[in-house]
Amino acid sequence: MTLLLIALIAVALLFDFLNGLHDAANSIATIVSTRVLSPRFAVMWAAVFNFVSFLVFGFSVAKTIGAGIIAPGVINDAVVFGALMGAIVWNVVTWLAGIPSSSSHALIGGLVGAGLARAGGMSAIAWTGLNKTIGAIFLSPTLGFVLALLLVLIVSWSFVRAAPGRVDALFRRVQFVSASAYSLGHGANDAQKTMGIITALLVAHGAVKGAFHVPFWVVLSCQAAMALGTLMGGWRIVRTMGSRITRLSPTQGVCAETAGAITLFLATGLGIPVSTTHTITGAIVGVGAARRTSAVRWNVAKDIVIAWVITMPAAGVIGALFFYAFEAFS
């Protein structure tokens, strides 16, 4: 490997670390909000399941990112650098502001922006993969919302005659399972995005031959970087996700996490790089709305939606600027 290739892989792993840091709230916000686990133990719990997720799922999301968003022939060092820096800069800005924007869509936006800058037009885009991803922007939070709403209704009717104290105690234990499932889905979908970027870079350098496949050392490196980022937390966003949108009970926390996990499992199985942030936010809003619409702080949800809308174009512009900077100085 050349020093430049090693440096770009390091930047990719830095993004993966920041992804874990930025999206730690997605994995732990509900279990912290319900006070089932303290923040310290919650991030440890989430990090473990983030790391082992590659044992459960394949690498279809990595293939979509590496070869299905922009044409493989467009990818070079400058495009990868622009994509990563567009995502990193946007992640840092939204992390400092406590806004749970999507790391996934920041990366895709940066990749598209840098790819367009290199190709000088729309020929850079692989529309099949990009259209699936754009569709998931709307479908993943909607599915999370609907599933969470249905789960709350099913649980409420199933335990209508049970003592509230017993129900609360039961779901405090069940939440360990639902939080684990959600962390598995989060680790599988999000870590694969960085795997795809690194593998595309290796293909461009001729370091990976034959059909697109993710080397095992790339798998371990990406899973470890994300798990380490999760361990470092992301407390500003935890507060937004866990309490500012709506207050959660253990029962509602289980419903939100289960709805989010099901959505992520489906998307990962189909090879669609969805936003874990979108997914869990939709689920949290769903459980809040099941109680009553006034239980949801819609002004906070509105600010999050605005961040979602501007993430891809903002990261795309930043990615294009870093592409031009790399070209100018290389």
Protein backbone atom coordinates (compact mmCIF):
# COMPACT_ATOMS: atom_id res chain seq x y z
CA MET A 1 0.00 0.00 0.00
CA THR A 2 1.15 3.55 -0.70
CA LEU A 3 1.29 6.16 2.03
CA LEU A 4 -1.58 8.04 0.35
CA LEU A 5 -3.78 4.94 0.36
CA ILE A 6 -3.00 4.28 4.03
CA ALA A 7 -3.80 7.92 4.87
CA LEU A 8 -7.16 7.74 3.07
CA ILE A 9 -8.04 4.50 4.87
CA ALA A 10 -7.20 6.26 8.15
CA VAL A 11 -9.55 9.13 7.20
CA ALA A 12 -12.27 6.56 6.42
CA LEU A 13 -11.81 4.93 9.83
CA LEU A 14 -11.94 8.39 11.43
CA PHE A 15 -15.33 8.89 9.76
CA ASP A 16 -16.42 5.48 11.06
CA PHE A 17 -15.33 6.46 14.58
CA LEU A 18 -17.23 9.75 14.33
CA ASN A 19 -20.22 7.85 12.96
CA GLY A 20 -20.25 5.72 16.11
CA LEU A 21 -19.77 8.82 18.26
CA HIS A 22 -22.45 10.79 16.41
CA ASP A 23 -24.94 7.92 16.24
CA ALA A 24 -24.38 6.52 19.73
CA ALA A 25 -27.64 8.22 20.63
CA ASN A 26 -29.48 6.02 18.15
CA SER A 27 -28.42 2.91 20.04
CA ILE A 28 -28.75 4.11 23.62
CA ALA A 29 -31.12 7.09 23.80
CA THR A 30 -34.21 5.05 24.65
CA ILE A 31 -32.60 2.77 27.23
CA VAL A 32 -30.97 5.80 28.92
CA SER A 33 -34.18 7.83 28.77
CA THR A 34 -36.12 5.06 30.51
CA ARG A 35 -33.33 4.80 33.15
CA VAL A 36 -32.96 1.05 32.57
CA LEU A 37 -29.22 1.60 32.13
CA SER A 38 -26.92 4.46 33.04
CA PRO A 39 -25.22 6.19 30.09
CA ARG A 40 -21.87 4.56 30.92
CA PHE A 41 -23.19 1.00 30.84
CA ALA A 42 -25.52 1.74 27.93
CA VAL A 43 -22.67 2.73 25.61
CA MET A 44 -20.72 -0.38 26.62
CA TRP A 45 -23.76 -2.53 25.87
CA ALA A 46 -24.31 -0.85 22.50
CA ALA A 47 -20.62 -1.01 21.53
CA VAL A 48 -20.48 -4.77 22.02
CA PHE A 49 -23.47 -5.41 19.76
CA ASN A 50 -22.26 -2.83 17.23
CA PHE A 51 -19.02 -4.79 16.94
CA VAL A 52 -20.44 -8.31 16.59
CA SER A 53 -23.09 -7.33 14.04
CA PHE A 54 -20.92 -8.47 11.11
CA LEU A 55 -21.37 -12.06 12.35
CA VAL A 56 -25.12 -11.83 11.70
CA PHE A 57 -25.45 -9.86 8.44
CA GLY A 58 -23.80 -9.99 5.03
CA PHE A 59 -22.19 -7.11 3.13
CA SER A 60 -24.87 -6.02 0.68
CA VAL A 61 -24.94 -2.46 2.06
CA ALA A 62 -21.15 -2.18 1.58
CA LYS A 63 -21.59 -3.21 -2.06
CA THR A 64 -24.28 -0.57 -2.60
CA ILE A 65 -22.03 2.17 -1.18
CA GLY A 66 -18.88 0.97 -2.93
CA ALA A 67 -20.32 0.34 -6.38
CA GLY A 68 -23.96 1.45 -6.42
CA ILE A 69 -24.08 5.20 -5.66
CA ILE A 70 -21.64 6.57 -8.21
CA ALA A 71 -20.07 4.77 -11.16
CA PRO A 72 -17.04 2.72 -10.04
CA GLY A 73 -14.92 4.26 -12.80
CA VAL A 74 -15.41 7.71 -11.27
CA ILE A 75 -13.96 6.74 -7.89
CA ASN A 76 -10.40 7.85 -7.23
CA ASP A 77 -8.42 9.20 -4.27
CA ALA A 78 -9.77 12.74 -4.61
CA VAL A 79 -13.40 11.56 -4.78
CA VAL A 80 -13.00 9.37 -1.69
CA PHE A 81 -11.25 12.18 0.20
CA GLY A 82 -13.98 14.65 -0.74
CA ALA A 83 -16.75 12.23 0.25
CA LEU A 84 -15.20 11.47 3.63
CA MET A 85 -14.39 15.08 4.48
CA GLY A 86 -17.86 16.23 3.43
CA ALA A 87 -19.37 13.69 5.83
CA ILE A 88 -16.88 14.35 8.63
CA VAL A 89 -17.26 18.13 8.56
CA TRP A 90 -21.06 17.92 8.49
CA ASN A 91 -21.05 15.35 11.31
CA VAL A 92 -18.89 17.57 13.50
CA VAL A 93 -21.05 20.63 12.85
CA THR A 94 -24.29 18.82 13.70
CA TRP A 95 -22.71 17.01 16.67
CA LEU A 96 -21.60 20.33 18.19
CA ALA A 97 -25.10 21.69 17.63
CA GLY A 98 -26.70 18.57 19.17
CA ILE A 99 -28.66 17.85 15.99
CA PRO A 100 -29.20 14.14 15.19
CA SER A 101 -28.57 14.38 11.45
CA SER A 102 -27.74 11.32 9.37
CA SER A 103 -24.11 10.20 9.09
CA SER A 104 -25.22 7.87 6.30
CA HIS A 105 -26.73 10.58 4.18
CA ALA A 106 -23.80 12.88 4.93
CA LEU A 107 -21.49 10.22 3.48
CA ILE A 108 -23.73 9.63 0.46
CA GLY A 109 -24.10 13.38 -0.09
CA GLY A 110 -20.32 13.84 0.09
CA LEU A 111 -19.79 10.93 -2.30
CA VAL A 112 -22.28 12.28 -4.84
CA GLY A 113 -20.90 15.83 -4.56
CA ALA A 114 -17.30 14.73 -5.07
CA GLY A 115 -18.31 12.34 -7.87
CA LEU A 116 -20.21 15.06 -9.72
CA ALA A 117 -17.24 17.40 -9.31
CA ARG A 118 -14.94 14.86 -10.95
CA ALA A 119 -17.26 13.80 -13.76
CA GLY A 120 -18.52 17.32 -14.40
CA GLY A 121 -22.09 16.08 -14.76
CA MET A 122 -24.78 13.57 -13.89
CA SER A 123 -23.01 10.69 -15.65
CA ALA A 124 -21.21 9.98 -12.35
CA ILE A 125 -24.39 8.82 -10.62
CA ALA A 126 -25.54 5.19 -10.43
CA TRP A 127 -29.23 5.99 -10.29
CA THR A 128 -30.49 2.59 -9.14
CA GLY A 129 -28.59 2.66 -5.86
CA LEU A 130 -29.08 6.39 -5.28
CA ASN A 131 -32.82 6.20 -5.91
CA LYS A 132 -33.14 3.33 -3.41
CA THR A 133 -31.28 5.42 -0.84
CA ILE A 134 -33.34 8.56 -1.45
CA GLY A 135 -36.53 6.50 -1.20
CA ALA A 136 -35.32 5.14 2.14
CA ILE A 137 -35.06 8.71 3.47
CA PHE A 138 -38.84 8.74 3.52
CA LEU A 139 -39.63 5.06 4.02
CA SER A 140 -37.38 4.23 6.98
CA PRO A 141 -38.78 6.81 9.45
CA THR A 142 -42.31 6.14 8.18
CA LEU A 143 -41.93 2.39 8.70
CA GLY A 144 -40.36 2.99 12.13
CA PHE A 145 -43.28 5.27 13.05
CA VAL A 146 -45.97 2.83 11.89
CA LEU A 147 -44.37 -0.24 13.49
CA ALA A 148 -43.84 1.59 16.80
CA LEU A 149 -47.44 2.81 16.80
CA LEU A 150 -48.73 -0.72 16.15
CA LEU A 151 -46.47 -2.25 18.80
CA VAL A 152 -47.65 0.24 21.42
CA LEU A 153 -51.27 -0.58 20.61
CA ILE A 154 -50.63 -4.36 20.72
CA VAL A 155 -48.75 -4.14 24.03
CA SER A 156 -51.35 -1.82 25.56
CA TRP A 157 -54.22 -4.19 24.76
CA SER A 158 -52.23 -7.28 25.78
CA PHE A 159 -51.45 -5.90 29.25
CA VAL A 160 -54.61 -3.85 29.81
CA ARG A 161 -55.50 -5.86 32.95
CA ALA A 162 -51.97 -6.19 34.33
CA ALA A 163 -50.71 -4.11 37.25
CA PRO A 164 -48.63 -1.16 35.98
CA GLY A 165 -45.76 -1.99 38.34
CA ARG A 166 -45.45 -5.55 37.03
CA VAL A 167 -45.61 -4.37 33.41
CA ASP A 168 -42.89 -1.80 34.07
CA ALA A 169 -40.63 -4.40 35.74
CA LEU A 170 -41.15 -6.85 32.88
CA PHE A 171 -40.32 -4.37 30.14
CA ARG A 172 -37.24 -3.13 31.97
CA ARG A 173 -35.86 -6.63 31.44
CA VAL A 174 -37.19 -6.95 27.89
CA GLN A 175 -35.53 -3.68 26.95
CA PHE A 176 -32.11 -5.30 27.21
CA VAL A 177 -33.16 -7.52 24.29
CA SER A 178 -34.70 -4.75 22.19
CA ALA A 179 -31.72 -2.44 22.75
CA SER A 180 -29.36 -5.25 21.73
CA ALA A 181 -31.37 -5.90 18.55
CA TYR A 182 -31.32 -2.24 17.63
CA SER A 183 -27.55 -1.99 18.22
CA LEU A 184 -27.04 -5.03 15.99
CA GLY A 185 -29.00 -3.36 13.21
CA HIS A 186 -27.16 -0.08 13.72
CA GLY A 187 -23.73 -1.69 13.61
CA ALA A 188 -24.58 -3.79 10.56
CA ASN A 189 -26.00 -1.00 8.41
CA ASP A 190 -23.69 1.85 9.42
CA ALA A 191 -20.31 0.09 9.62
CA GLN A 192 -20.88 -1.43 6.18
CA LYS A 193 -20.94 2.04 4.64
CA THR A 194 -17.33 2.67 5.58
CA MET A 195 -16.45 -0.87 4.48
CA GLY A 196 -17.88 0.00 1.06
CA ILE A 197 -15.85 3.21 0.80
CA ILE A 198 -12.57 1.52 1.79
CA THR A 199 -13.18 -1.44 -0.52
CA ALA A 200 -13.99 0.89 -3.46
CA LEU A 201 -10.71 2.68 -2.74
CA LEU A 202 -8.81 -0.62 -2.69
CA VAL A 203 -10.45 -1.62 -6.00
CA ALA A 204 -9.40 1.71 -7.56
CA HIS A 205 -5.81 1.03 -6.44
CA GLY A 206 -5.89 -2.54 -7.74
CA ALA A 207 -5.51 -3.95 -4.22
CA VAL A 208 -8.74 -5.98 -4.51
CA LYS A 209 -9.13 -8.18 -7.57
CA GLY A 210 -12.18 -9.86 -9.08
CA ALA A 211 -15.76 -9.34 -7.96
CA PHE A 212 -16.50 -6.70 -5.33
CA HIS A 213 -15.83 -8.21 -1.90
CA VAL A 214 -14.87 -6.79 1.48
CA PRO A 215 -11.52 -8.03 2.89
CA PHE A 216 -11.79 -9.38 6.41
CA TRP A 217 -9.29 -6.88 7.83
CA VAL A 218 -11.53 -4.08 6.51
CA VAL A 219 -14.53 -5.66 8.27
CA LEU A 220 -12.72 -5.86 11.62
CA SER A 221 -11.25 -2.35 11.31
CA CYS A 222 -14.61 -0.73 10.53
CA GLN A 223 -16.49 -2.61 13.25
CA ALA A 224 -13.82 -1.72 15.82
CA ALA A 225 -13.77 1.97 14.84
CA MET A 226 -17.56 2.23 15.11
CA ALA A 227 -17.64 0.38 18.44
CA LEU A 228 -14.93 2.68 19.82
CA GLY A 229 -16.87 5.74 18.68
CA THR A 230 -19.99 4.41 20.37
CA LEU A 231 -18.03 3.92 23.59
CA MET A 232 -17.08 7.60 23.50
CA GLY A 233 -20.77 8.51 23.58
CA GLY A 234 -22.51 11.51 22.08
CA TRP A 235 -24.32 13.04 25.00
CA ARG A 236 -25.71 16.17 23.33
CA ILE A 237 -27.61 14.02 20.83
CA VAL A 238 -28.60 11.48 23.49
CA ARG A 239 -30.45 14.25 25.28
CA THR A 240 -32.30 15.29 22.11
CA MET A 241 -33.24 11.74 21.13
CA GLY A 242 -33.97 10.45 24.61
CA SER A 243 -35.97 13.22 26.21
CA ARG A 244 -36.53 16.32 24.10
CA ILE A 245 -38.76 14.62 21.49
CA THR A 246 -40.95 12.80 24.03
CA ARG A 247 -40.67 11.15 27.44
CA LEU A 248 -40.47 7.37 27.32
CA SER A 249 -41.44 4.55 29.67
CA PRO A 250 -39.67 1.15 29.48
CA THR A 251 -42.67 -0.23 27.55
CA GLN A 252 -42.45 2.56 25.01
CA GLY A 253 -38.68 2.18 24.83
CA VAL A 254 -39.06 -1.50 23.92
CA CYS A 255 -41.61 -0.66 21.22
CA ALA A 256 -39.41 2.07 19.73
CA GLU A 257 -36.27 -0.08 19.70
CA THR A 258 -38.08 -3.12 18.30
CA ALA A 259 -39.65 -1.06 15.51
CA GLY A 260 -36.28 0.47 14.70
CA ALA A 261 -34.53 -2.91 14.74
CA ILE A 262 -37.07 -4.51 12.39
CA THR A 263 -36.70 -1.60 9.96
CA LEU A 264 -32.90 -1.83 10.01
CA PHE A 265 -32.89 -5.62 9.59
CA LEU A 266 -35.14 -5.31 6.52
CA ALA A 267 -33.05 -2.52 4.97
CA THR A 268 -29.74 -4.27 5.62
CA GLY A 269 -31.06 -7.51 4.15
CA LEU A 270 -32.08 -5.61 1.00
CA GLY A 271 -28.72 -3.82 0.78
CA ILE A 272 -30.22 -0.37 1.35
CA PRO A 273 -28.06 2.14 3.29
CA VAL A 274 -30.67 3.77 5.51
CA SER A 275 -30.29 6.35 8.22
CA THR A 276 -30.36 4.87 11.71
CA THR A 277 -31.12 8.38 12.96
CA HIS A 278 -34.20 8.66 10.75
CA THR A 279 -35.34 5.21 11.77
CA ILE A 280 -35.19 5.60 15.54
CA THR A 281 -36.57 9.14 15.43
CA GLY A 282 -39.61 7.92 13.50
CA ALA A 283 -40.07 5.12 16.04
CA ILE A 284 -39.77 7.49 19.02
CA VAL A 285 -42.29 9.88 17.49
CA GLY A 286 -44.56 6.88 16.86
CA VAL A 287 -44.62 5.77 20.49
CA GLY A 288 -45.17 9.33 21.62
CA ALA A 289 -48.03 9.85 19.18
CA ALA A 290 -49.63 6.57 20.32
CA ARG A 291 -50.04 8.13 23.75
CA ARG A 292 -51.34 11.45 22.44
CA THR A 293 -50.15 13.84 19.76
CA SER A 294 -49.37 16.52 22.35
CA ALA A 295 -46.84 14.15 23.96
CA VAL A 296 -44.49 14.78 21.04
CA ARG A 297 -42.51 18.03 20.98
CA TRP A 298 -43.20 18.68 17.33
CA ASN A 299 -40.98 21.76 17.20
CA VAL A 300 -37.96 19.59 18.05
CA ALA A 301 -39.04 16.98 15.50
CA LYS A 302 -39.39 19.77 12.92
CA ASP A 303 -35.80 20.95 13.53
CA ILE A 304 -34.57 17.37 13.08
CA VAL A 305 -36.49 17.04 9.78
CA ILE A 306 -34.96 20.28 8.52
CA ALA A 307 -31.50 18.89 9.31
CA TRP A 308 -32.38 15.73 7.36
CA VAL A 309 -33.44 17.73 4.30
CA ILE A 310 -30.24 19.80 4.13
CA THR A 311 -27.77 17.03 5.08
CA MET A 312 -27.18 15.51 1.63
CA PRO A 313 -26.85 18.78 -0.32
CA ALA A 314 -24.73 20.40 2.43
CA ALA A 315 -22.37 17.43 2.63
CA GLY A 316 -22.34 17.30 -1.19
CA VAL A 317 -21.16 20.90 -1.47
CA ILE A 318 -18.49 20.34 1.20
CA GLY A 319 -17.41 17.11 -0.52
CA ALA A 320 -17.03 18.89 -3.87
CA LEU A 321 -14.95 21.65 -2.27
CA PHE A 322 -12.60 19.12 -0.66
CA PHE A 323 -12.37 17.27 -3.99
CA TYR A 324 -11.19 20.45 -5.70
CA ALA A 325 -8.78 21.18 -2.83
CA PHE A 326 -7.29 17.67 -3.09
CA GLU A 327 -6.88 18.04 -6.85
CA ALA A 328 -5.26 21.44 -6.45
CA PHE A 329 -2.66 20.30 -3.93
CA SER A 330 -1.92 16.77 -5.21
